[in-house]
Structure formats: C-alpha cells, structure tokens
PDB file of N, CA and C in Angstrom:
ATOM      1  N   MET A   1     -98.883  13.862 -27.673  1.00  0.00           N
ATOM      2  CA  MET A   1     -97.864  15.027 -27.644  1.00  0.00           C
ATOM      3  C   MET A   1     -97.466  15.310 -25.882  1.00  0.00           C
ATOM      4  N   GLU A   2     -96.272  15.348 -25.594  1.00  0.00           N
ATOM      5  CA  GLU A   2     -95.958  15.765 -24.662  1.00  0.00           C
ATOM      6  C   GLU A   2     -96.242  15.902 -23.814  1.00  0.00           C
ATOM      7  N   ARG A   3     -96.908  16.048 -22.225  1.00  0.00           N
ATOM      8  CA  ARG A   3     -97.520  17.503 -22.001  1.00  0.00           C
ATOM      9  C   ARG A   3     -96.108  18.048 -21.116  1.00  0.00           C
ATOM     10  N   VAL A   4     -96.664  19.650 -20.833  1.00  0.00           N
ATOM     11  CA  VAL A   4     -95.670  20.119 -19.803  1.00  0.00           C
ATOM     12  C   VAL A   4     -96.474  20.202 -18.199  1.00  0.00           C
ATOM     13  N   ASN A   5     -95.386  19.974 -17.817  1.00  0.00           N
ATOM     14  CA  ASN A   5     -95.231  20.356 -16.292  1.00  0.00           C
ATOM     15  C   ASN A   5     -95.250  21.449 -15.568  1.00  0.00           C
ATOM     16  N   PHE A   6     -96.448  22.105 -15.082  1.00  0.00           N
ATOM     17  CA  PHE A   6     -96.053  23.565 -15.425  1.00  0.00           C
ATOM     18  C   PHE A   6     -95.714  23.697 -13.616  1.00  0.00           C
ATOM     19  N   ALA A   7     -96.566  22.652 -12.887  1.00  0.00           N
ATOM     20  CA  ALA A   7     -96.638  22.557 -10.961  1.00  0.00           C
ATOM     21  C   ALA A   7     -95.076  22.197 -10.273  1.00  0.00           C
ATOM     22  N   THR A   8     -94.791  22.069 -11.634  1.00  0.00           N
ATOM     23  CA  THR A   8     -92.736  21.344 -11.014  1.00  0.00           C
ATOM     24  C   THR A   8     -92.260  22.437 -10.050  1.00  0.00           C
ATOM     25  N   PRO A   9     -92.037  22.141  -9.197  1.00  0.00           N
ATOM     26  CA  PRO A   9     -91.486  23.679  -8.130  1.00  0.00           C
ATOM     27  C   PRO A   9     -89.571  23.567  -8.877  1.00  0.00           C
ATOM     28  N   ILE A  10     -89.716  25.013  -9.117  1.00  0.00           N
ATOM     29  CA  ILE A  10     -88.143  25.829  -9.730  1.00  0.00           C
ATOM     30  C   ILE A  10     -87.142  25.603  -8.849  1.00  0.00           C
ATOM     31  N   PHE A  11     -87.896  25.750  -7.326  1.00  0.00           N
ATOM     32  CA  PHE A  11     -86.862  26.505  -5.801  1.00  0.00           C
ATOM     33  C   PHE A  11     -86.888  24.733  -5.327  1.00  0.00           C
ATOM     34  N   LYS A  12     -85.290  24.034  -4.797  1.00  0.00           N
ATOM     35  CA  LYS A  12     -85.204  23.830  -4.094  1.00  0.00           C
ATOM     36  C   LYS A  12     -85.757  23.639  -2.454  1.00  0.00           C
ATOM     37  N   PRO A  13     -86.128  22.567  -1.862  1.00  0.00           N
ATOM     38  CA  PRO A  13     -86.869  23.415  -0.514  1.00  0.00           C
ATOM     39  C   PRO A  13     -85.769  24.315   0.542  1.00  0.00           C
ATOM     40  N   GLU A  14     -84.008  24.607   0.404  1.00  0.00           N
ATOM     41  CA  GLU A  14     -83.799  25.567   0.762  1.00  0.00           C
ATOM     42  C   GLU A  14     -83.635  27.076   0.433  1.00  0.00           C
ATOM     43  N   GLY A  15     -84.077  26.646  -0.894  1.00  0.00           N
ATOM     44  CA  GLY A  15     -84.485  27.985  -1.409  1.00  0.00           C
ATOM     45  C   GLY A  15     -83.379  28.436  -2.556  1.00  0.00           C
ATOM     46  N   GLN A  16     -82.648  27.503  -3.097  1.00  0.00           N
ATOM     47  CA  GLN A  16     -81.819  27.674  -3.865  1.00  0.00           C
ATOM     48  C   GLN A  16     -82.381  26.905  -5.024  1.00  0.00           C
ATOM     49  N   VAL A  17     -81.914  27.842  -6.446  1.00  0.00           N
ATOM     50  CA  VAL A  17     -82.399  26.760  -7.913  1.00  0.00           C
ATOM     51  C   VAL A  17     -81.620  25.782  -7.661  1.00  0.00           C
ATOM     52  N   GLN A  18     -82.809  25.604  -9.062  1.00  0.00           N
ATOM     53  CA  GLN A  18     -82.178  24.442  -9.273  1.00  0.00           C
ATOM     54  C   GLN A  18     -81.690  24.240 -11.011  1.00  0.00           C
ATOM     55  N   ASN A  19     -80.631  23.791 -10.753  1.00  0.00           N
ATOM     56  CA  ASN A  19     -79.922  24.084 -12.462  1.00  0.00           C
ATOM     57  C   ASN A  19     -80.145  22.873 -13.188  1.00  0.00           C
ATOM     58  N   GLU A  20     -81.469  21.751 -13.677  1.00  0.00           N
ATOM     59  CA  GLU A  20     -81.193  21.184 -14.191  1.00  0.00           C
ATOM     60  C   GLU A  20     -80.772  21.492 -15.443  1.00  0.00           C
ATOM     61  N   HIS A  21     -80.962  21.920 -16.219  1.00  0.00           N
ATOM     62  CA  HIS A  21     -81.218  22.326 -17.990  1.00  0.00           C
ATOM     63  C   HIS A  21     -79.954  23.355 -17.854  1.00  0.00           C
ATOM     64  N   THR A  22     -79.687  23.019 -18.725  1.00  0.00           N
ATOM     65  CA  THR A  22     -78.910  24.184 -19.053  1.00  0.00           C
ATOM     66  C   THR A  22     -79.420  25.295 -20.749  1.00  0.00           C
ATOM     67  N   ALA A  23     -78.760  25.726 -21.341  1.00  0.00           N
ATOM     68  CA  ALA A  23     -79.303  27.269 -22.398  1.00  0.00           C
ATOM     69  C   ALA A  23     -80.329  26.233 -23.098  1.00  0.00           C
ATOM     70  N   PHE A  24     -79.276  25.839 -24.109  1.00  0.00           N
ATOM     71  CA  PHE A  24     -79.202  24.627 -25.185  1.00  0.00           C
ATOM     72  C   PHE A  24     -79.948  23.852 -24.871  1.00  0.00           C
ATOM     73  N   GLU A  25     -80.793  23.262 -23.834  1.00  0.00           N
ATOM     74  CA  GLU A  25     -81.137  22.011 -23.292  1.00  0.00           C
ATOM     75  C   GLU A  25     -82.680  22.643 -23.537  1.00  0.00           C
ATOM     76  N   ALA A  26     -83.139  24.019 -23.024  1.00  0.00           N
ATOM     77  CA  ALA A  26     -83.815  25.013 -22.272  1.00  0.00           C
ATOM     78  C   ALA A  26     -84.665  25.457 -23.963  1.00  0.00           C
ATOM     79  N   GLN A  27     -83.675  25.373 -24.791  1.00  0.00           N
ATOM     80  CA  GLN A  27     -83.865  26.259 -25.983  1.00  0.00           C
ATOM     81  C   GLN A  27     -84.832  25.066 -26.791  1.00  0.00           C
ATOM     82  N   ARG A  28     -83.941  23.730 -26.974  1.00  0.00           N
ATOM     83  CA  ARG A  28     -84.237  22.503 -27.717  1.00  0.00           C
ATOM     84  C   ARG A  28     -85.934  21.723 -27.091  1.00  0.00           C
ATOM     85  N   ASP A  29     -85.667  21.974 -25.668  1.00  0.00           N
ATOM     86  CA  ASP A  29     -87.178  21.960 -25.312  1.00  0.00           C
ATOM     87  C   ASP A  29     -88.106  22.814 -25.982  1.00  0.00           C
ATOM     88  N   PHE A  30     -88.545  24.171 -25.825  1.00  0.00           N
ATOM     89  CA  PHE A  30     -89.480  25.063 -26.211  1.00  0.00           C
ATOM     90  C   PHE A  30     -89.584  25.052 -27.780  1.00  0.00           C
ATOM     91  N   SER A  31     -88.076  24.683 -28.863  1.00  0.00           N
ATOM     92  CA  SER A  31     -88.687  24.143 -29.840  1.00  0.00           C
ATOM     93  C   SER A  31     -89.389  23.213 -30.067  1.00  0.00           C
ATOM     94  N   LYS A  32     -89.080  21.683 -29.660  1.00  0.00           N
ATOM     95  CA  LYS A  32     -89.970  20.730 -29.349  1.00  0.00           C
ATOM     96  C   LYS A  32     -91.235  21.103 -29.241  1.00  0.00           C
ATOM     97  N   PHE A  33     -91.866  22.112 -27.956  1.00  0.00           N
ATOM     98  CA  PHE A  33     -93.367  22.024 -28.378  1.00  0.00           C
ATOM     99  C   PHE A  33     -93.875  22.643 -28.956  1.00  0.00           C
ATOM    100  N   LEU A  34     -93.324  24.095 -29.668  1.00  0.00           N
ATOM    101  CA  LEU A  34     -93.751  24.940 -30.887  1.00  0.00           C
ATOM    102  C   LEU A  34     -93.907  24.202 -31.440  1.00  0.00           C
ATOM    103  N   THR A  35     -92.931  22.625 -32.221  1.00  0.00           N
ATOM    104  CA  THR A  35     -93.115  22.172 -33.714  1.00  0.00           C
ATOM    105  C   THR A  35     -94.396  21.055 -32.835  1.00  0.00           C
ATOM    106  N   ASP A  36     -94.669  20.432 -31.925  1.00  0.00           N
ATOM    107  CA  ASP A  36     -95.527  19.742 -32.081  1.00  0.00           C
ATOM    108  C   ASP A  36     -96.996  20.323 -31.904  1.00  0.00           C
ATOM    109  N   ALA A  37     -96.582  21.638 -31.062  1.00  0.00           N
ATOM    110  CA  ALA A  37     -98.066  22.621 -31.250  1.00  0.00           C
ATOM    111  C   ALA A  37     -98.765  22.776 -32.694  1.00  0.00           C
ATOM    112  N   ILE A  38     -97.667  22.793 -33.087  1.00  0.00           N
ATOM    113  CA  ILE A  38     -97.787  23.501 -35.007  1.00  0.00           C
ATOM    114  C   ILE A  38     -98.068  21.999 -35.397  1.00  0.00           C
ATOM    115  N   LYS A  39     -97.787  21.100 -35.261  1.00  0.00           N
ATOM    116  CA  LYS A  39     -98.219  19.630 -36.065  1.00  0.00           C
ATOM    117  C   LYS A  39     -99.235  19.435 -35.507  1.00  0.00           C
ATOM    118  N   GLN A  40    -100.299  19.843 -34.348  1.00  0.00           N
ATOM    119  CA  GLN A  40    -101.117  19.268 -33.720  1.00  0.00           C
ATOM    120  C   GLN A  40    -102.654  20.670 -34.974  1.00  0.00           C
ATOM    121  N   VAL A  41    -101.933  21.382 -34.755  1.00  0.00           N
ATOM    122  CA  VAL A  41    -102.899  22.647 -35.318  1.00  0.00           C
ATOM    123  C   VAL A  41    -102.877  21.971 -36.829  1.00  0.00           C
ATOM    124  N   ASN A  42    -101.818  21.428 -37.873  1.00  0.00           N
ATOM    125  CA  ASN A  42    -102.149  20.313 -39.020  1.00  0.00           C
ATOM    126  C   ASN A  42    -102.556  19.721 -38.802  1.00  0.00           C
ATOM    127  N   ASP A  43    -102.874  18.934 -37.926  1.00  0.00           N
ATOM    128  CA  ASP A  43    -103.468  17.504 -37.852  1.00  0.00           C
ATOM    129  C   ASP A  43    -104.914  18.228 -37.979  1.00  0.00           C
ATOM    130  N   ALA A  44    -104.959  19.030 -37.480  1.00  0.00           N
ATOM    131  CA  ALA A  44    -106.452  19.194 -36.661  1.00  0.00           C
ATOM    132  C   ALA A  44    -107.357  19.931 -38.387  1.00  0.00           C
ATOM    133  N   GLN A  45    -106.650  20.297 -39.149  1.00  0.00           N
ATOM    134  CA  GLN A  45    -106.650  20.456 -40.729  1.00  0.00           C
ATOM    135  C   GLN A  45    -106.723  20.119 -40.985  1.00  0.00           C
ATOM    136  N   VAL A  46    -106.279  18.807 -41.740  1.00  0.00           N
ATOM    137  CA  VAL A  46    -106.035  18.182 -42.443  1.00  0.00           C
ATOM    138  C   VAL A  46    -107.312  16.646 -42.070  1.00  0.00           C
ATOM    139  N   GLU A  47    -107.492  17.325 -40.674  1.00  0.00           N
ATOM    140  CA  GLU A  47    -108.594  15.788 -40.380  1.00  0.00           C
ATOM    141  C   GLU A  47    -110.131  16.336 -40.712  1.00  0.00           C
ATOM    142  N   ALA A  48    -109.989  17.658 -40.383  1.00  0.00           N
ATOM    143  CA  ALA A  48    -111.060  18.695 -40.953  1.00  0.00           C
ATOM    144  C   ALA A  48    -111.433  18.324 -42.432  1.00  0.00           C
ATOM    145  N   ASP A  49    -110.308  18.227 -43.026  1.00  0.00           N
ATOM    146  CA  ASP A  49    -110.115  17.985 -44.801  1.00  0.00           C
ATOM    147  C   ASP A  49    -110.902  16.824 -45.420  1.00  0.00           C
ATOM    148  N   ALA A  50    -110.121  16.087 -44.401  1.00  0.00           N
ATOM    149  CA  ALA A  50    -110.932  14.390 -44.924  1.00  0.00           C
ATOM    150  C   ALA A  50    -112.246  14.424 -44.787  1.00  0.00           C
ATOM    151  N   LYS A  51    -112.760  15.111 -43.108  1.00  0.00           N
ATOM    152  CA  LYS A  51    -114.049  14.474 -42.915  1.00  0.00           C
ATOM    153  C   LYS A  51    -114.621  15.363 -44.031  1.00  0.00           C
ATOM    154  N   THR A  52    -114.722  16.644 -44.474  1.00  0.00           N
ATOM    155  CA  THR A  52    -115.364  17.595 -45.350  1.00  0.00           C
ATOM    156  C   THR A  52    -115.086  16.575 -46.619  1.00  0.00           C
ATOM    157  N   GLU A  53    -114.213  16.331 -47.251  1.00  0.00           N
ATOM    158  CA  GLU A  53    -114.240  15.845 -48.266  1.00  0.00           C
ATOM    159  C   GLU A  53    -114.980  14.364 -47.978  1.00  0.00           C
ATOM    160  N   GLN A  54    -115.085  13.603 -47.151  1.00  0.00           N
ATOM    161  CA  GLN A  54    -115.950  12.386 -46.933  1.00  0.00           C
ATOM    162  C   GLN A  54    -117.460  13.048 -46.814  1.00  0.00           C
ATOM    163  N   LEU A  55    -117.681  13.860 -46.282  1.00  0.00           N
ATOM    164  CA  LEU A  55    -119.336  14.281 -46.587  1.00  0.00           C
ATOM    165  C   LEU A  55    -119.366  14.868 -48.465  1.00  0.00           C
ATOM    166  N   VAL A  56    -118.407  15.313 -48.635  1.00  0.00           N
ATOM    167  CA  VAL A  56    -119.000  15.369 -50.167  1.00  0.00           C
ATOM    168  C   VAL A  56    -119.198  14.668 -50.949  1.00  0.00           C
ATOM    169  N   ASN A  57    -118.005  13.270 -50.928  1.00  0.00           N
ATOM    170  CA  ASN A  57    -118.241  12.300 -51.812  1.00  0.00           C
ATOM    171  C   ASN A  57    -119.698  11.541 -51.174  1.00  0.00           C
ATOM    172  N   ASN A  58    -120.264  11.940 -50.266  1.00  0.00           N
ATOM    173  CA  ASN A  58    -121.377  10.932 -49.973  1.00  0.00           C
ATOM    174  C   ASN A  58    -121.043   9.692 -48.847  1.00  0.00           C
ATOM    175  N   GLU A  59    -119.598   9.590 -48.280  1.00  0.00           N
ATOM    176  CA  GLU A  59    -119.582   8.444 -47.261  1.00  0.00           C
ATOM    177  C   GLU A  59    -119.984   8.822 -46.363  1.00  0.00           C
ATOM    178  N   ASP A  60    -119.750   7.882 -45.547  1.00  0.00           N
ATOM    179  CA  ASP A  60    -120.473   7.337 -44.032  1.00  0.00           C
ATOM    180  C   ASP A  60    -120.032   8.385 -43.429  1.00  0.00           C
ATOM    181  N   VAL A  61    -120.440   9.722 -43.279  1.00  0.00           N
ATOM    182  CA  VAL A  61    -119.611  10.413 -42.255  1.00  0.00           C
ATOM    183  C   VAL A  61    -120.973  11.461 -41.642  1.00  0.00           C
ATOM    184  N   ASP A  62    -121.106  11.540 -40.385  1.00  0.00           N
ATOM    185  CA  ASP A  62    -122.081  12.717 -40.157  1.00  0.00           C
ATOM    186  C   ASP A  62    -121.932  14.378 -40.414  1.00  0.00           C
ATOM    187  N   LEU A  63    -123.148  14.817 -40.633  1.00  0.00           N
ATOM    188  CA  LEU A  63    -122.153  16.486 -40.912  1.00  0.00           C
ATOM    189  C   LEU A  63    -122.282  17.103 -39.284  1.00  0.00           C
ATOM    190  N   HIS A  64    -122.711  16.635 -38.573  1.00  0.00           N
ATOM    191  CA  HIS A  64    -122.044  17.257 -36.854  1.00  0.00           C
ATOM    192  C   HIS A  64    -120.250  17.273 -37.243  1.00  0.00           C
ATOM    193  N   GLU A  65    -120.472  15.776 -37.504  1.00  0.00           N
ATOM    194  CA  GLU A  65    -119.053  15.495 -37.279  1.00  0.00           C
ATOM    195  C   GLU A  65    -118.134  16.678 -37.806  1.00  0.00           C
ATOM    196  N   VAL A  66    -118.371  16.572 -39.439  1.00  0.00           N
ATOM    197  CA  VAL A  66    -117.878  17.475 -40.256  1.00  0.00           C
ATOM    198  C   VAL A  66    -117.578  18.904 -39.263  1.00  0.00           C
ATOM    199  N   MET A  67    -118.004  19.681 -38.914  1.00  0.00           N
ATOM    200  CA  MET A  67    -118.591  20.634 -38.577  1.00  0.00           C
ATOM    201  C   MET A  67    -118.245  20.686 -37.069  1.00  0.00           C
ATOM    202  N   ILE A  68    -118.023  20.381 -36.481  1.00  0.00           N
ATOM    203  CA  ILE A  68    -117.108  20.323 -35.092  1.00  0.00           C
ATOM    204  C   ILE A  68    -115.748  20.395 -35.512  1.00  0.00           C
ATOM    205  N   ALA A  69    -114.738  18.896 -36.549  1.00  0.00           N
ATOM    206  CA  ALA A  69    -113.926  19.121 -36.818  1.00  0.00           C
ATOM    207  C   ALA A  69    -113.069  20.346 -37.618  1.00  0.00           C
ATOM    208  N   ALA A  70    -114.564  20.791 -38.534  1.00  0.00           N
ATOM    209  CA  ALA A  70    -113.929  22.496 -38.969  1.00  0.00           C
ATOM    210  C   ALA A  70    -113.595  23.138 -37.888  1.00  0.00           C
ATOM    211  N   GLU A  71    -114.585  23.477 -37.338  1.00  0.00           N
ATOM    212  CA  GLU A  71    -114.327  24.266 -35.891  1.00  0.00           C
ATOM    213  C   GLU A  71    -113.740  24.297 -35.445  1.00  0.00           C
ATOM    214  N   LYS A  72    -112.935  23.086 -34.587  1.00  0.00           N
ATOM    215  CA  LYS A  72    -112.377  22.554 -34.158  1.00  0.00           C
ATOM    216  C   LYS A  72    -110.525  23.515 -34.652  1.00  0.00           C
ATOM    217  N   ALA A  73    -110.352  22.986 -36.280  1.00  0.00           N
ATOM    218  CA  ALA A  73    -109.422  23.334 -36.953  1.00  0.00           C
ATOM    219  C   ALA A  73    -109.482  24.832 -36.910  1.00  0.00           C
ATOM    220  N   SER A  74    -110.473  25.778 -37.054  1.00  0.00           N
ATOM    221  CA  SER A  74    -110.615  26.660 -36.921  1.00  0.00           C
ATOM    222  C   SER A  74    -110.346  27.757 -35.783  1.00  0.00           C
ATOM    223  N   LEU A  75    -110.365  26.846 -35.110  1.00  0.00           N
ATOM    224  CA  LEU A  75    -110.762  27.764 -33.158  1.00  0.00           C
ATOM    225  C   LEU A  75    -108.472  27.979 -33.010  1.00  0.00           C
ATOM    226  N   SER A  76    -108.145  26.105 -33.877  1.00  0.00           N
ATOM    227  CA  SER A  76    -106.346  26.249 -33.491  1.00  0.00           C
ATOM    228  C   SER A  76    -105.506  26.841 -34.380  1.00  0.00           C
ATOM    229  N   LEU A  77    -106.479  27.240 -35.354  1.00  0.00           N
ATOM    230  CA  LEU A  77    -105.594  28.263 -36.146  1.00  0.00           C
ATOM    231  C   LEU A  77    -106.021  29.379 -36.151  1.00  0.00           C
ATOM    232  N   GLN A  78    -106.941  29.778 -35.090  1.00  0.00           N
ATOM    233  CA  GLN A  78    -106.817  31.092 -34.731  1.00  0.00           C
ATOM    234  C   GLN A  78    -106.035  31.199 -33.917  1.00  0.00           C
ATOM    235  N   ILE A  79    -106.239  30.407 -32.900  1.00  0.00           N
ATOM    236  CA  ILE A  79    -105.184  30.277 -31.520  1.00  0.00           C
ATOM    237  C   ILE A  79    -103.868  30.991 -31.829  1.00  0.00           C
ATOM    238  N   THR A  80    -103.731  30.062 -32.529  1.00  0.00           N
ATOM    239  CA  THR A  80    -102.138  30.058 -32.775  1.00  0.00           C
ATOM    240  C   THR A  80    -101.753  31.376 -33.699  1.00  0.00           C
ATOM    241  N   LEU A  81    -101.903  31.571 -34.435  1.00  0.00           N
ATOM    242  CA  LEU A  81    -102.209  33.432 -34.966  1.00  0.00           C
ATOM    243  C   LEU A  81    -102.251  34.166 -33.926  1.00  0.00           C
ATOM    244  N   GLU A  82    -103.084  34.126 -33.231  1.00  0.00           N
ATOM    245  CA  GLU A  82    -102.836  35.275 -32.036  1.00  0.00           C
ATOM    246  C   GLU A  82    -101.491  34.766 -30.826  1.00  0.00           C
ATOM    247  N   VAL A  83    -101.421  33.331 -31.024  1.00  0.00           N
ATOM    248  CA  VAL A  83    -100.142  33.271 -29.649  1.00  0.00           C
ATOM    249  C   VAL A  83     -98.623  34.437 -31.137  1.00  0.00           C
ATOM    250  N   ARG A  84     -98.894  33.601 -32.104  1.00  0.00           N
ATOM    251  CA  ARG A  84     -97.644  34.358 -33.048  1.00  0.00           C
ATOM    252  C   ARG A  84     -97.927  35.592 -32.826  1.00  0.00           C
ATOM    253  N   ASN A  85     -99.050  36.599 -32.287  1.00  0.00           N
ATOM    254  CA  ASN A  85     -98.864  37.987 -33.004  1.00  0.00           C
ATOM    255  C   ASN A  85     -98.173  38.369 -31.306  1.00  0.00           C
ATOM    256  N   LYS A  86     -98.629  37.738 -30.484  1.00  0.00           N
ATOM    257  CA  LYS A  86     -98.319  38.017 -29.303  1.00  0.00           C
ATOM    258  C   LYS A  86     -96.790  37.921 -28.646  1.00  0.00           C
ATOM    259  N   VAL A  87     -96.269  37.156 -29.810  1.00  0.00           N
ATOM    260  CA  VAL A  87     -95.109  36.622 -29.601  1.00  0.00           C
ATOM    261  C   VAL A  87     -93.727  37.275 -30.082  1.00  0.00           C
ATOM    262  N   VAL A  88     -94.926  38.059 -31.010  1.00  0.00           N
ATOM    263  CA  VAL A  88     -93.594  39.001 -32.801  1.00  0.00           C
ATOM    264  C   VAL A  88     -93.647  40.470 -31.453  1.00  0.00           C
ATOM    265  N   GLU A  89     -95.367  40.684 -31.235  1.00  0.00           N
ATOM    266  CA  GLU A  89     -95.119  42.046 -30.078  1.00  0.00           C
ATOM    267  C   GLU A  89     -94.165  42.494 -28.893  1.00  0.00           C
ATOM    268  N   ALA A  90     -94.142  40.880 -28.293  1.00  0.00           N
ATOM    269  CA  ALA A  90     -92.547  41.314 -27.708  1.00  0.00           C
ATOM    270  C   ALA A  90     -91.838  41.373 -27.866  1.00  0.00           C
ATOM    271  N   TYR A  91     -91.913  40.567 -28.760  1.00  0.00           N
ATOM    272  CA  TYR A  91     -89.851  41.028 -29.831  1.00  0.00           C
ATOM    273  C   TYR A  91     -89.520  42.251 -30.024  1.00  0.00           C
ATOM    274  N   GLN A  92     -90.582  42.897 -30.896  1.00  0.00           N
ATOM    275  CA  GLN A  92     -90.440  44.326 -31.075  1.00  0.00           C
ATOM    276  C   GLN A  92     -90.662  45.288 -29.991  1.00  0.00           C
ATOM    277  N   GLU A  93     -91.215  44.847 -29.219  1.00  0.00           N
ATOM    278  CA  GLU A  93     -91.271  45.630 -27.710  1.00  0.00           C
ATOM    279  C   GLU A  93     -89.758  45.706 -27.441  1.00  0.00           C
ATOM    280  N   MET A  94     -89.498  44.485 -27.063  1.00  0.00           N
ATOM    281  CA  MET A  94     -87.708  44.425 -26.111  1.00  0.00           C
ATOM    282  C   MET A  94     -87.131  44.771 -27.338  1.00  0.00           C
ATOM    283  N   MET A  95     -86.913  45.483 -28.708  1.00  0.00           N
ATOM    284  CA  MET A  95     -85.962  45.739 -29.447  1.00  0.00           C
ATOM    285  C   MET A  95     -86.513  47.485 -29.679  1.00  0.00           C
ATOM    286  N   ARG A  96     -87.546  47.991 -29.084  1.00  0.00           N
ATOM    287  CA  ARG A  96     -87.617  49.242 -28.171  1.00  0.00           C
ATOM    288  C   ARG A  96     -86.641  49.542 -27.884  1.00  0.00           C
ATOM    289  N   MET A  97     -86.375  48.927 -26.426  1.00  0.00           N
ATOM    290  CA  MET A  97     -86.103  48.994 -24.784  1.00  0.00           C
ATOM    291  C   MET A  97     -85.017  49.347 -25.448  1.00  0.00           C
ATOM    292  N   GLN A  98     -84.152  50.099 -25.113  1.00  0.00           N
ATOM    293  CA  GLN A  98     -83.249  51.096 -24.508  1.00  0.00           C
ATOM    294  C   GLN A  98     -81.689  50.637 -23.481  1.00  0.00           C
ATOM    295  N   LEU A  99     -81.093  50.091 -23.881  1.00  0.00           N
ATOM    296  CA  LEU A  99     -79.847  49.375 -22.545  1.00  0.00           C
ATOM    297  C   LEU A  99     -79.273  50.572 -21.920  1.00  0.00           C
TER     298      LEU A  99
END
C-alpha cells in the first residue's frame, strides 16, 4: 500500500498555499486511500480464514500463528468500523448545522 506522507508542508516558504492538486485529484486520492485500507482489512480476514482452515485440516501451522492472524483481522475490522462510525457521526453533525 502506498504510504501517505503527512509531513509534507502545504505552505511555500513565502507563506503561499500550494495548489498542486485539484479537487478531483484530492477526491480520487482519498478514494484510493479508502479502497486500499478496506482491501487490507479484507486481506487480513482472508489470511485468518486460511490459517484457521490449515489448523482444522491438521496442516503444518502453529496455533499462535492462527491466533495472531485472527486477532489482527479482528482488530482491523474493529478499527474500520470505528472510523466508519466517526465519519457517519461527522456527516450527521454537518447535516444538522444551519447555514
């Protein structure tokens, strides 16, 4: 997954804001970021399922590997749900604002 560099300054040395991205590009980049994040959560779930299936089929897999993969998948899903809840909450709050 492509790392986002939040340390990149948005101001030029003269104090002018850099206009390197259009609104469309920003939306596309944000959409790609979300898609990649959801794909990573799905990959963690698939890996946990595969390791669990290996354990059930008595294949060569350590129990601690299965437990770690399952916990990673669980935490990834919980974090994703919490982020979704915060985004929905922020959206609802904005909709309640009066202009």
